[in-house]
């Protein structure tokens, strides 16, 4: 079993996802402006996946932060 990622790793992952989401939004916009509906739809689907992933990582970060706060209170 792999060790759980630490908070710093999770925050770094969120930062990378934010960049990917921004780039993907731009790609969707450009493809729509060019009139390539098929590729724009594919890019929009990937964007939705990235946004869902971001949401999941945010939840994980919050749980990890809560766990760390509990440990600090106990010690």
PDB file of N, CA and C in Angstrom:
ATOM      1  N   UNK A   1       0.831  -1.173   0.000  1.00  0.00           N
ATOM      2  CA  UNK A   1       0.000   0.000   0.000  1.00  0.00           C
ATOM      3  C   UNK A   1       0.884   1.248   0.000  1.00  0.00           C
ATOM      4  N   UNK A   2       0.508   2.230  -0.826  1.00  0.00           N
ATOM      5  CA  UNK A   2       1.283   3.459  -0.909  1.00  0.00           C
ATOM      6  C   UNK A   2       0.973   4.369   0.273  1.00  0.00           C
ATOM      7  N   UNK A   3       1.976   5.115   0.716  1.00  0.00           N
ATOM      8  CA  UNK A   3       1.718   6.067   1.805  1.00  0.00           C
ATOM      9  C   UNK A   3       0.816   7.198   1.320  1.00  0.00           C
ATOM     10  N   UNK A   4       0.065   7.792   2.253  1.00  0.00           N
ATOM     11  CA  UNK A   4      -0.803   8.909   1.906  1.00  0.00           C
ATOM     12  C   UNK A   4       0.059  10.118   1.549  1.00  0.00           C
ATOM     13  N   UNK A   5      -0.357  10.874   0.535  1.00  0.00           N
ATOM     14  CA  UNK A   5       0.404  12.081   0.223  1.00  0.00           C
ATOM     15  C   UNK A   5       0.268  13.105   1.352  1.00  0.00           C
ATOM     16  N   UNK A   6       1.322  13.865   1.553  1.00  0.00           N
ATOM     17  CA  UNK A   6       1.267  14.893   2.598  1.00  0.00           C
ATOM     18  C   UNK A   6       0.548  16.136   2.066  1.00  0.00           C
ATOM     19  N   UNK A   7       0.280  17.061   2.970  1.00  0.00           N
ATOM     20  CA  UNK A   7      -0.492  18.246   2.622  1.00  0.00           C
ATOM     21  C   UNK A   7       0.192  19.067   1.530  1.00  0.00           C
ATOM     22  N   UNK A   8       1.498  19.177   1.589  1.00  0.00           N
ATOM     23  CA  UNK A   8       2.247  19.943   0.590  1.00  0.00           C
ATOM     24  C   UNK A   8       2.059  19.339  -0.807  1.00  0.00           C
ATOM     25  N   UNK A   9       2.091  18.032  -0.912  1.00  0.00           N
ATOM     26  CA  UNK A   9       1.899  17.354  -2.190  1.00  0.00           C
ATOM     27  C   UNK A   9       0.490  17.592  -2.720  1.00  0.00           C
ATOM     28  N   UNK A  10      -0.489  17.540  -1.832  1.00  0.00           N
ATOM     29  CA  UNK A  10      -1.880  17.752  -2.223  1.00  0.00           C
ATOM     30  C   UNK A  10      -2.070  19.185  -2.728  1.00  0.00           C
ATOM     31  N   UNK A  11      -1.499  20.157  -2.039  1.00  0.00           N
ATOM     32  CA  UNK A  11      -1.613  21.554  -2.452  1.00  0.00           C
ATOM     33  C   UNK A  11      -0.934  21.764  -3.806  1.00  0.00           C
ATOM     34  N   UNK A  12       0.207  21.131  -4.009  1.00  0.00           N
ATOM     35  CA  UNK A  12       0.903  21.225  -5.287  1.00  0.00           C
ATOM     36  C   UNK A  12       0.047  20.628  -6.405  1.00  0.00           C
ATOM     37  N   UNK A  13      -0.609  19.527  -6.131  1.00  0.00           N
ATOM     38  CA  UNK A  13      -1.496  18.888  -7.101  1.00  0.00           C
ATOM     39  C   UNK A  13      -2.651  19.831  -7.459  1.00  0.00           C
ATOM     40  N   UNK A  14      -3.215  20.490  -6.455  1.00  0.00           N
ATOM     41  CA  UNK A  14      -4.300  21.447  -6.704  1.00  0.00           C
ATOM     42  C   UNK A  14      -3.826  22.577  -7.610  1.00  0.00           C
ATOM     43  N   UNK A  15      -2.630  23.057  -7.355  1.00  0.00           N
ATOM     44  CA  UNK A  15      -2.079  24.136  -8.167  1.00  0.00           C
ATOM     45  C   UNK A  15      -1.936  23.704  -9.624  1.00  0.00           C
ATOM     46  N   UNK A  16      -1.436  22.507  -9.839  1.00  0.00           N
ATOM     47  CA  UNK A  16      -1.277  21.992 -11.206  1.00  0.00           C
ATOM     48  C   UNK A  16      -2.635  21.818 -11.877  1.00  0.00           C
ATOM     49  N   UNK A  17      -3.618  21.332 -11.128  1.00  0.00           N
ATOM     50  CA  UNK A  17      -4.955  21.169 -11.689  1.00  0.00           C
ATOM     51  C   UNK A  17      -5.559  22.523 -12.066  1.00  0.00           C
ATOM     52  N   UNK A  18      -5.316  23.543 -11.250  1.00  0.00           N
ATOM     53  CA  UNK A  18      -5.817  24.883 -11.569  1.00  0.00           C
ATOM     54  C   UNK A  18      -5.265  25.368 -12.905  1.00  0.00           C
ATOM     55  N   UNK A  19      -3.990  25.134 -13.134  1.00  0.00           N
ATOM     56  CA  UNK A  19      -3.368  25.525 -14.399  1.00  0.00           C
ATOM     57  C   UNK A  19      -3.994  24.747 -15.551  1.00  0.00           C
ATOM     58  N   UNK A  20      -4.144  23.439 -15.384  1.00  0.00           N
ATOM     59  CA  UNK A  20      -4.726  22.613 -16.444  1.00  0.00           C
ATOM     60  C   UNK A  20      -6.161  23.035 -16.748  1.00  0.00           C
ATOM     61  N   UNK A  21      -6.923  23.366 -15.714  1.00  0.00           N
ATOM     62  CA  UNK A  21      -8.307  23.797 -15.907  1.00  0.00           C
ATOM     63  C   UNK A  21      -8.342  25.111 -16.688  1.00  0.00           C
ATOM     64  N   UNK A  22      -7.476  26.035 -16.330  1.00  0.00           N
ATOM     65  CA  UNK A  22      -7.407  27.308 -17.052  1.00  0.00           C
ATOM     66  C   UNK A  22      -7.058  27.120 -18.517  1.00  0.00           C
ATOM     67  N   UNK A  23      -6.086  26.274 -18.778  1.00  0.00           N
ATOM     68  CA  UNK A  23      -5.682  26.002 -20.159  1.00  0.00           C
ATOM     69  C   UNK A  23      -6.800  25.310 -20.928  1.00  0.00           C
ATOM     70  N   UNK A  24      -7.488  24.390 -20.266  1.00  0.00           N
ATOM     71  CA  UNK A  24      -8.555  23.651 -20.921  1.00  0.00           C
ATOM     72  C   UNK A  24      -9.737  24.567 -21.254  1.00  0.00           C
ATOM     73  N   UNK A  25     -10.045  25.496 -20.343  1.00  0.00           N
ATOM     74  CA  UNK A  25     -11.117  26.467 -20.610  1.00  0.00           C
ATOM     75  C   UNK A  25     -10.782  27.302 -21.840  1.00  0.00           C
ATOM     76  N   UNK A  26      -9.527  27.721 -21.922  1.00  0.00           N
ATOM     77  CA  UNK A  26      -9.085  28.500 -23.071  1.00  0.00           C
ATOM     78  C   UNK A  26      -9.203  27.681 -24.355  1.00  0.00           C
ATOM     79  N   UNK A  27      -8.804  26.436 -24.293  1.00  0.00           N
ATOM     80  CA  UNK A  27      -8.891  25.555 -25.455  1.00  0.00           C
ATOM     81  C   UNK A  27     -10.340  25.405 -25.924  1.00  0.00           C
ATOM     82  N   UNK A  28     -11.256  25.192 -24.985  1.00  0.00           N
ATOM     83  CA  UNK A  28     -12.672  25.064 -25.337  1.00  0.00           C
ATOM     84  C   UNK A  28     -13.143  26.332 -26.042  1.00  0.00           C
ATOM     85  N   UNK A  29     -12.794  27.478 -25.475  1.00  0.00           N
ATOM     86  CA  UNK A  29     -13.207  28.758 -26.048  1.00  0.00           C
ATOM     87  C   UNK A  29     -12.671  28.938 -27.466  1.00  0.00           C
ATOM     88  N   UNK A  30     -11.392  28.655 -27.659  1.00  0.00           N
ATOM     89  CA  UNK A  30     -10.767  28.819 -28.973  1.00  0.00           C
ATOM     90  C   UNK A  30     -11.400  27.873 -29.986  1.00  0.00           C
ATOM     91  N   UNK A  31     -11.607  26.623 -29.601  1.00  0.00           N
ATOM     92  CA  UNK A  31     -12.208  25.656 -30.525  1.00  0.00           C
ATOM     93  C   UNK A  31     -13.618  26.063 -30.918  1.00  0.00           C
ATOM     94  N   UNK A  32     -14.367  26.601 -29.965  1.00  0.00           N
ATOM     95  CA  UNK A  32     -15.728  27.069 -30.285  1.00  0.00           C
ATOM     96  C   UNK A  32     -15.675  28.265 -31.236  1.00  0.00           C
ATOM     97  N   UNK A  33     -14.735  29.181 -30.989  1.00  0.00           N
ATOM     98  CA  UNK A  33     -14.587  30.345 -31.869  1.00  0.00           C
ATOM     99  C   UNK A  33     -14.203  29.920 -33.285  1.00  0.00           C
ATOM    100  N   UNK A  34     -13.424  28.849 -33.370  1.00  0.00           N
ATOM    101  CA  UNK A  34     -13.019  28.341 -34.688  1.00  0.00           C
ATOM    102  C   UNK A  34     -14.130  27.537 -35.357  1.00  0.00           C
ATOM    103  N   UNK A  35     -15.178  27.241 -34.607  1.00  0.00           N
ATOM    104  CA  UNK A  35     -16.307  26.500 -35.167  1.00  0.00           C
ATOM    105  C   UNK A  35     -16.128  24.999 -35.172  1.00  0.00           C
ATOM    106  N   UNK A  36     -15.165  24.499 -34.427  1.00  0.00           N
ATOM    107  CA  UNK A  36     -14.927  23.048 -34.365  1.00  0.00           C
ATOM    108  C   UNK A  36     -15.689  22.468 -33.178  1.00  0.00           C
ATOM    109  N   UNK A  37     -16.985  22.260 -33.395  1.00  0.00           N
ATOM    110  CA  UNK A  37     -17.869  21.820 -32.315  1.00  0.00           C
ATOM    111  C   UNK A  37     -17.469  20.458 -31.764  1.00  0.00           C
ATOM    112  N   UNK A  38     -17.058  19.549 -32.607  1.00  0.00           N
ATOM    113  CA  UNK A  38     -16.696  18.198 -32.165  1.00  0.00           C
ATOM    114  C   UNK A  38     -15.513  18.236 -31.206  1.00  0.00           C
ATOM    115  N   UNK A  39     -14.460  18.939 -31.597  1.00  0.00           N
ATOM    116  CA  UNK A  39     -13.280  19.032 -30.746  1.00  0.00           C
ATOM    117  C   UNK A  39     -13.567  19.872 -29.495  1.00  0.00           C
ATOM    118  N   UNK A  40     -14.408  20.887 -29.634  1.00  0.00           N
ATOM    119  CA  UNK A  40     -14.779  21.708 -28.477  1.00  0.00           C
ATOM    120  C   UNK A  40     -15.528  20.865 -27.457  1.00  0.00           C
ATOM    121  N   UNK A  41     -16.394  19.983 -27.936  1.00  0.00           N
ATOM    122  CA  UNK A  41     -17.129  19.103 -27.027  1.00  0.00           C
ATOM    123  C   UNK A  41     -16.191  18.135 -26.314  1.00  0.00           C
ATOM    124  N   UNK A  42     -15.215  17.620 -27.051  1.00  0.00           N
ATOM    125  CA  UNK A  42     -14.222  16.724 -26.427  1.00  0.00           C
ATOM    126  C   UNK A  42     -13.428  17.475 -25.357  1.00  0.00           C
ATOM    127  N   UNK A  43     -13.028  18.689 -25.684  1.00  0.00           N
ATOM    128  CA  UNK A  43     -12.257  19.501 -24.736  1.00  0.00           C
ATOM    129  C   UNK A  43     -13.120  19.859 -23.523  1.00  0.00           C
ATOM    130  N   UNK A  44     -14.402  20.122 -23.754  1.00  0.00           N
ATOM    131  CA  UNK A  44     -15.309  20.439 -22.650  1.00  0.00           C
ATOM    132  C   UNK A  44     -15.498  19.235 -21.738  1.00  0.00           C
ATOM    133  N   UNK A  45     -15.519  18.059 -22.320  1.00  0.00           N
ATOM    134  CA  UNK A  45     -15.634  16.833 -21.529  1.00  0.00           C
ATOM    135  C   UNK A  45     -14.399  16.658 -20.645  1.00  0.00           C
ATOM    136  N   UNK A  46     -13.236  16.901 -21.206  1.00  0.00           N
ATOM    137  CA  UNK A  46     -11.990  16.821 -20.430  1.00  0.00           C
ATOM    138  C   UNK A  46     -11.988  17.890 -19.332  1.00  0.00           C
ATOM    139  N   UNK A  47     -12.504  19.063 -19.640  1.00  0.00           N
ATOM    140  CA  UNK A  47     -12.599  20.134 -18.656  1.00  0.00           C
ATOM    141  C   UNK A  47     -13.471  19.695 -17.479  1.00  0.00           C
ATOM    142  N   UNK A  48     -14.595  19.084 -17.773  1.00  0.00           N
ATOM    143  CA  UNK A  48     -15.489  18.611 -16.707  1.00  0.00           C
ATOM    144  C   UNK A  48     -14.773  17.584 -15.835  1.00  0.00           C
ATOM    145  N   UNK A  49     -14.008  16.690 -16.458  1.00  0.00           N
ATOM    146  CA  UNK A  49     -13.246  15.684 -15.719  1.00  0.00           C
ATOM    147  C   UNK A  49     -12.222  16.348 -14.801  1.00  0.00           C
ATOM    148  N   UNK A  50     -11.514  17.350 -15.328  1.00  0.00           N
ATOM    149  CA  UNK A  50     -10.513  18.065 -14.527  1.00  0.00           C
ATOM    150  C   UNK A  50     -11.167  18.781 -13.346  1.00  0.00           C
ATOM    151  N   UNK A  51     -12.314  19.385 -13.592  1.00  0.00           N
ATOM    152  CA  UNK A  51     -13.017  20.094 -12.517  1.00  0.00           C
ATOM    153  C   UNK A  51     -13.515  19.124 -11.442  1.00  0.00           C
ATOM    154  N   UNK A  52     -13.968  17.946 -11.862  1.00  0.00           N
ATOM    155  CA  UNK A  52     -14.374  16.929 -10.884  1.00  0.00           C
ATOM    156  C   UNK A  52     -13.171  16.457 -10.075  1.00  0.00           C
ATOM    157  N   UNK A  53     -12.064  16.258 -10.747  1.00  0.00           N
ATOM    158  CA  UNK A  53     -10.838  15.842 -10.065  1.00  0.00           C
ATOM    159  C   UNK A  53     -10.405  16.907  -9.064  1.00  0.00           C
ATOM    160  N   UNK A  54     -10.488  18.148  -9.462  1.00  0.00           N
ATOM    161  CA  UNK A  54     -10.124  19.249  -8.580  1.00  0.00           C
ATOM    162  C   UNK A  54     -10.994  19.223  -7.321  1.00  0.00           C
ATOM    163  N   UNK A  55     -12.290  19.031  -7.516  1.00  0.00           N
ATOM    164  CA  UNK A  55     -13.208  18.958  -6.381  1.00  0.00           C
ATOM    165  C   UNK A  55     -12.859  17.831  -5.434  1.00  0.00           C
ATOM    166  N   UNK A  56     -12.497  16.688  -5.993  1.00  0.00           N
ATOM    167  CA  UNK A  56     -12.132  15.533  -5.167  1.00  0.00           C
ATOM    168  C   UNK A  56     -10.847  15.808  -4.382  1.00  0.00           C
ATOM    169  N   UNK A  57      -9.879  16.440  -5.018  1.00  0.00           N
ATOM    170  CA  UNK A  57      -8.619  16.740  -4.341  1.00  0.00           C
ATOM    171  C   UNK A  57      -8.837  17.786  -3.245  1.00  0.00           C
ATOM    172  N   UNK A  58      -9.726  18.739  -3.490  1.00  0.00           N
ATOM    173  CA  UNK A  58     -10.055  19.735  -2.459  1.00  0.00           C
ATOM    174  C   UNK A  58     -10.650  19.039  -1.237  1.00  0.00           C
ATOM    175  N   UNK A  59     -11.564  18.114  -1.474  1.00  0.00           N
ATOM    176  CA  UNK A  59     -12.151  17.361  -0.359  1.00  0.00           C
ATOM    177  C   UNK A  59     -11.082  16.585   0.400  1.00  0.00           C
ATOM    178  N   UNK A  60     -10.173  15.941  -0.327  1.00  0.00           N
ATOM    179  CA  UNK A  60      -9.100  15.193   0.304  1.00  0.00           C
ATOM    180  C   UNK A  60      -8.212  16.127   1.123  1.00  0.00           C
ATOM    181  N   UNK A  61      -7.891  17.292   0.549  1.00  0.00           N
ATOM    182  CA  UNK A  61      -7.069  18.266   1.265  1.00  0.00           C
ATOM    183  C   UNK A  61      -7.741  18.681   2.577  1.00  0.00           C
ATOM    184  N   UNK A  62      -9.035  18.932   2.503  1.00  0.00           N
ATOM    185  CA  UNK A  62      -9.763  19.347   3.701  1.00  0.00           C
ATOM    186  C   UNK A  62      -9.761  18.257   4.767  1.00  0.00           C
ATOM    187  N   UNK A  63      -9.955  17.020   4.345  1.00  0.00           N
ATOM    188  CA  UNK A  63      -9.910  15.900   5.293  1.00  0.00           C
ATOM    189  C   UNK A  63      -8.527  15.741   5.906  1.00  0.00           C
ATOM    190  N   UNK A  64      -7.509  15.866   5.086  1.00  0.00           N
ATOM    191  CA  UNK A  64      -6.132  15.759   5.562  1.00  0.00           C
ATOM    192  C   UNK A  64      -5.816  16.888   6.546  1.00  0.00           C
ATOM    193  N   UNK A  65      -6.277  18.089   6.226  1.00  0.00           N
ATOM    194  CA  UNK A  65      -6.051  19.233   7.114  1.00  0.00           C
ATOM    195  C   UNK A  65      -6.753  19.016   8.455  1.00  0.00           C
ATOM    196  N   UNK A  66      -7.968  18.498   8.390  1.00  0.00           N
ATOM    197  CA  UNK A  66      -8.724  18.210   9.612  1.00  0.00           C
ATOM    198  C   UNK A  66      -8.002  17.170  10.466  1.00  0.00           C
ATOM    199  N   UNK A  67      -7.466  16.149   9.811  1.00  0.00           N
ATOM    200  CA  UNK A  67      -6.723  15.100  10.518  1.00  0.00           C
ATOM    201  C   UNK A  67      -5.479  15.686  11.189  1.00  0.00           C
ATOM    202  N   UNK A  68      -4.769  16.554  10.475  1.00  0.00           N
ATOM    203  CA  UNK A  68      -3.576  17.179  11.036  1.00  0.00           C
ATOM    204  C   UNK A  68      -3.937  18.080  12.219  1.00  0.00           C
ATOM    205  N   UNK A  69      -5.036  18.799  12.108  1.00  0.00           N
ATOM    206  CA  UNK A  69      -5.475  19.669  13.209  1.00  0.00           C
ATOM    207  C   UNK A  69      -5.826  18.851  14.449  1.00  0.00           C
ATOM    208  N   UNK A  70      -6.453  17.706  14.258  1.00  0.00           N
ATOM    209  CA  UNK A  70      -6.799  16.839  15.383  1.00  0.00           C
ATOM    210  C   UNK A  70      -5.537  16.328  16.080  1.00  0.00           C
ATOM    211  N   UNK A  71      -4.539  15.957  15.287  1.00  0.00           N
ATOM    212  CA  UNK A  71      -3.290  15.475  15.856  1.00  0.00           C
ATOM    213  C   UNK A  71      -2.591  16.565  16.653  1.00  0.00           C
ATOM    214  N   UNK A  72      -2.648  17.782  16.157  1.00  0.00           N
ATOM    215  CA  UNK A  72      -2.016  18.905  16.851  1.00  0.00           C
ATOM    216  C   UNK A  72      -2.700  19.180  18.178  1.00  0.00           C
ATOM    217  N   UNK A  73      -4.024  19.050  18.213  1.00  0.00           N
ATOM    218  CA  UNK A  73      -4.766  19.302  19.438  1.00  0.00           C
ATOM    219  C   UNK A  73      -4.492  18.245  20.494  1.00  0.00           C
ATOM    220  N   UNK A  74      -4.267  17.016  20.041  1.00  0.00           N
ATOM    221  CA  UNK A  74      -3.986  15.913  20.970  1.00  0.00           C
ATOM    222  C   UNK A  74      -2.605  16.072  21.577  1.00  0.00           C
ATOM    223  N   UNK A  75      -1.654  16.544  20.796  1.00  0.00           N
ATOM    224  CA  UNK A  75      -0.274  16.685  21.287  1.00  0.00           C
ATOM    225  C   UNK A  75      -0.156  17.964  21.962  1.00  0.00           C
TER     226      UNK A  75
END
